[in-house]
């Protein structure tokens, strides 16, 4: 499977996700945690350090390629 780099995420999808997240950080973090658990994502590896962005990005790539399930159109 080809790599997905941040600059390859469409502007429309980035805005779509930003609009969904903006103004609801705590709710977003809670929802993200639920999505990570539901998809067997790396929730235990996430400790708010820069290094934890690596497993989060790997999970995000799979989630993005799956069509951003759970994010409204």
N, C-alpha and C. Protein backbone atom coordinates (compact mmCIF):
# COMPACT_ATOMS: atom_id res chain seq x y z
N UNK A 1 0.84 -1.17 0.00
CA UNK A 1 0.00 0.00 0.00
C UNK A 1 0.89 1.24 0.00
N UNK A 2 0.57 2.20 -0.86
CA UNK A 2 1.37 3.42 -0.97
C UNK A 2 1.25 4.27 0.29
N UNK A 3 2.31 4.98 0.58
CA UNK A 3 2.30 5.87 1.75
C UNK A 3 1.40 7.06 1.49
N UNK A 4 0.81 7.57 2.54
CA UNK A 4 0.02 8.80 2.48
C UNK A 4 0.74 9.83 3.32
N UNK A 5 1.16 10.90 2.68
CA UNK A 5 1.87 11.96 3.37
C UNK A 5 0.90 13.11 3.66
N UNK A 6 1.20 13.90 4.69
CA UNK A 6 0.27 14.97 5.06
C UNK A 6 -0.13 15.87 3.90
N UNK A 7 0.80 16.20 3.02
CA UNK A 7 0.48 17.10 1.91
C UNK A 7 -0.41 16.43 0.86
N UNK A 8 -0.60 15.12 0.96
CA UNK A 8 -1.45 14.40 0.00
C UNK A 8 -2.92 14.36 0.43
N UNK A 9 -3.19 14.76 1.65
CA UNK A 9 -4.57 14.82 2.12
C UNK A 9 -5.21 16.03 1.44
N UNK A 10 -6.36 15.82 0.83
CA UNK A 10 -6.98 16.91 0.08
C UNK A 10 -7.34 18.07 1.01
N UNK A 11 -7.31 19.26 0.44
CA UNK A 11 -7.68 20.45 1.19
C UNK A 11 -9.14 20.33 1.66
N UNK A 12 -9.99 19.80 0.79
CA UNK A 12 -11.40 19.64 1.15
C UNK A 12 -11.55 18.70 2.35
N UNK A 13 -10.82 17.58 2.37
CA UNK A 13 -10.91 16.67 3.51
C UNK A 13 -10.30 17.28 4.76
N UNK A 14 -9.22 18.04 4.60
CA UNK A 14 -8.61 18.70 5.76
C UNK A 14 -9.59 19.72 6.35
N UNK A 15 -10.24 20.50 5.50
CA UNK A 15 -11.23 21.47 5.98
C UNK A 15 -12.43 20.76 6.60
N UNK A 16 -12.84 19.68 5.98
CA UNK A 16 -13.97 18.91 6.51
C UNK A 16 -13.68 18.43 7.92
N UNK A 17 -12.50 17.88 8.11
CA UNK A 17 -12.14 17.40 9.44
C UNK A 17 -11.96 18.57 10.40
N UNK A 18 -11.31 19.66 9.96
CA UNK A 18 -11.11 20.83 10.82
C UNK A 18 -12.45 21.41 11.28
N UNK A 19 -13.38 21.55 10.34
CA UNK A 19 -14.70 22.09 10.69
C UNK A 19 -15.39 21.22 11.73
N UNK A 20 -15.18 19.92 11.61
CA UNK A 20 -15.79 18.97 12.54
C UNK A 20 -15.16 19.10 13.93
N UNK A 21 -13.86 19.34 13.96
CA UNK A 21 -13.11 19.36 15.22
C UNK A 21 -13.13 20.73 15.90
N UNK A 22 -13.08 21.79 15.11
CA UNK A 22 -12.95 23.16 15.65
C UNK A 22 -14.03 23.46 16.68
N UNK A 23 -13.61 24.03 17.76
CA UNK A 23 -14.56 24.46 18.79
C UNK A 23 -15.01 23.35 19.72
N UNK A 24 -14.46 22.16 19.53
CA UNK A 24 -14.91 21.06 20.39
C UNK A 24 -13.73 20.14 20.72
N UNK A 25 -12.63 20.75 21.15
CA UNK A 25 -11.41 19.98 21.39
C UNK A 25 -11.61 18.83 22.37
N UNK A 26 -12.21 19.07 23.51
CA UNK A 26 -12.37 18.00 24.49
C UNK A 26 -13.28 16.90 23.95
N UNK A 27 -14.36 17.32 23.33
CA UNK A 27 -15.27 16.34 22.73
C UNK A 27 -14.56 15.56 21.63
N UNK A 28 -13.72 16.26 20.84
CA UNK A 28 -12.96 15.62 19.78
C UNK A 28 -11.97 14.60 20.36
N UNK A 29 -11.25 14.98 21.40
CA UNK A 29 -10.29 14.04 22.01
C UNK A 29 -11.01 12.80 22.56
N UNK A 30 -12.17 13.01 23.13
CA UNK A 30 -12.96 11.88 23.64
C UNK A 30 -13.40 11.00 22.48
N UNK A 31 -13.90 11.62 21.43
CA UNK A 31 -14.34 10.86 20.25
C UNK A 31 -13.16 10.13 19.61
N UNK A 32 -12.03 10.81 19.49
CA UNK A 32 -10.83 10.19 18.94
C UNK A 32 -10.45 8.96 19.76
N UNK A 33 -10.49 9.09 21.07
CA UNK A 33 -10.17 7.95 21.93
C UNK A 33 -11.12 6.79 21.67
N UNK A 34 -12.41 7.09 21.51
CA UNK A 34 -13.38 6.03 21.22
C UNK A 34 -13.10 5.38 19.87
N UNK A 35 -12.78 6.20 18.86
CA UNK A 35 -12.46 5.63 17.54
C UNK A 35 -11.21 4.76 17.61
N UNK A 36 -10.22 5.23 18.36
CA UNK A 36 -8.99 4.44 18.50
C UNK A 36 -9.28 3.09 19.16
N UNK A 37 -10.07 3.10 20.19
CA UNK A 37 -10.42 1.85 20.87
C UNK A 37 -11.22 0.95 19.94
N UNK A 38 -12.22 1.52 19.27
CA UNK A 38 -13.10 0.73 18.39
C UNK A 38 -12.35 0.12 17.21
N UNK A 39 -11.28 0.76 16.78
CA UNK A 39 -10.52 0.27 15.62
C UNK A 39 -9.20 -0.39 16.03
N UNK A 40 -9.07 -0.66 17.32
CA UNK A 40 -7.84 -1.25 17.86
C UNK A 40 -6.62 -0.40 17.51
N UNK A 41 -6.82 0.91 17.57
CA UNK A 41 -5.74 1.85 17.30
C UNK A 41 -4.76 1.94 18.47
N UNK A 42 -3.72 2.74 18.30
CA UNK A 42 -2.62 2.79 19.27
C UNK A 42 -2.87 3.70 20.47
N UNK A 43 -4.03 3.60 21.08
CA UNK A 43 -4.37 4.55 22.15
C UNK A 43 -3.36 4.53 23.30
N UNK A 44 -2.82 3.37 23.63
CA UNK A 44 -1.87 3.30 24.75
C UNK A 44 -0.52 3.95 24.40
N UNK A 45 -0.25 4.11 23.11
CA UNK A 45 1.01 4.72 22.68
C UNK A 45 0.93 6.24 22.65
N UNK A 46 -0.27 6.79 22.80
CA UNK A 46 -0.45 8.23 22.69
C UNK A 46 -0.29 8.90 24.05
N UNK A 47 0.77 9.67 24.18
CA UNK A 47 1.07 10.31 25.46
C UNK A 47 1.32 11.81 25.30
N UNK A 48 0.82 12.38 24.19
CA UNK A 48 0.95 13.81 23.90
C UNK A 48 2.40 14.25 23.67
N UNK A 49 3.27 13.29 23.31
CA UNK A 49 4.63 13.64 22.92
C UNK A 49 4.71 13.65 21.40
N UNK A 50 5.75 14.27 20.89
CA UNK A 50 5.97 14.29 19.44
C UNK A 50 6.11 12.85 18.92
N UNK A 51 6.82 12.01 19.66
CA UNK A 51 7.02 10.63 19.22
C UNK A 51 5.71 9.87 19.06
N UNK A 52 4.71 10.23 19.84
CA UNK A 52 3.44 9.51 19.75
C UNK A 52 2.66 9.87 18.49
N UNK A 53 3.12 10.90 17.77
CA UNK A 53 2.46 11.24 16.51
C UNK A 53 2.71 10.18 15.43
N UNK A 54 3.79 9.41 15.55
CA UNK A 54 4.10 8.39 14.55
C UNK A 54 3.01 7.31 14.53
N UNK A 55 2.69 6.67 15.66
CA UNK A 55 1.61 5.68 15.61
C UNK A 55 0.24 6.30 15.33
N UNK A 56 0.03 7.54 15.79
CA UNK A 56 -1.24 8.21 15.50
C UNK A 56 -1.38 8.44 14.00
N UNK A 57 -0.31 8.87 13.34
CA UNK A 57 -0.37 9.10 11.89
C UNK A 57 -0.63 7.79 11.15
N UNK A 58 0.02 6.71 11.55
CA UNK A 58 -0.20 5.41 10.89
C UNK A 58 -1.67 5.01 11.02
N UNK A 59 -2.25 5.21 12.20
CA UNK A 59 -3.67 4.89 12.39
C UNK A 59 -4.52 5.81 11.53
N UNK A 60 -4.19 7.10 11.49
CA UNK A 60 -4.96 8.07 10.72
C UNK A 60 -4.99 7.71 9.24
N UNK A 61 -3.85 7.29 8.70
CA UNK A 61 -3.78 6.93 7.29
C UNK A 61 -4.80 5.85 6.97
N UNK A 62 -4.87 4.82 7.81
CA UNK A 62 -5.84 3.75 7.58
C UNK A 62 -7.27 4.28 7.72
N UNK A 63 -7.51 5.12 8.69
CA UNK A 63 -8.84 5.70 8.93
C UNK A 63 -9.24 6.58 7.76
N UNK A 64 -8.30 7.40 7.29
CA UNK A 64 -8.55 8.29 6.14
C UNK A 64 -8.87 7.47 4.90
N UNK A 65 -8.07 6.47 4.64
CA UNK A 65 -8.30 5.62 3.47
C UNK A 65 -9.62 4.87 3.56
N UNK A 66 -10.10 4.68 4.76
CA UNK A 66 -11.40 4.04 4.96
C UNK A 66 -12.57 5.01 4.79
N UNK A 67 -12.29 6.28 4.46
CA UNK A 67 -13.34 7.24 4.20
C UNK A 67 -13.74 8.10 5.38
N UNK A 68 -12.89 8.21 6.40
CA UNK A 68 -13.18 9.00 7.60
C UNK A 68 -14.48 8.54 8.26
N UNK A 69 -14.58 7.25 8.58
CA UNK A 69 -15.83 6.77 9.18
C UNK A 69 -16.15 7.50 10.48
N UNK A 70 -17.40 7.90 10.61
CA UNK A 70 -17.85 8.62 11.78
C UNK A 70 -17.84 10.12 11.64
N UNK A 71 -17.21 10.63 10.56
CA UNK A 71 -17.17 12.07 10.32
C UNK A 71 -18.28 12.41 9.32
N UNK A 72 -19.19 13.31 9.67
CA UNK A 72 -20.27 13.64 8.75
C UNK A 72 -19.78 14.27 7.46
N UNK A 73 -20.52 14.08 6.39
CA UNK A 73 -20.20 14.71 5.10
C UNK A 73 -20.48 16.18 5.11
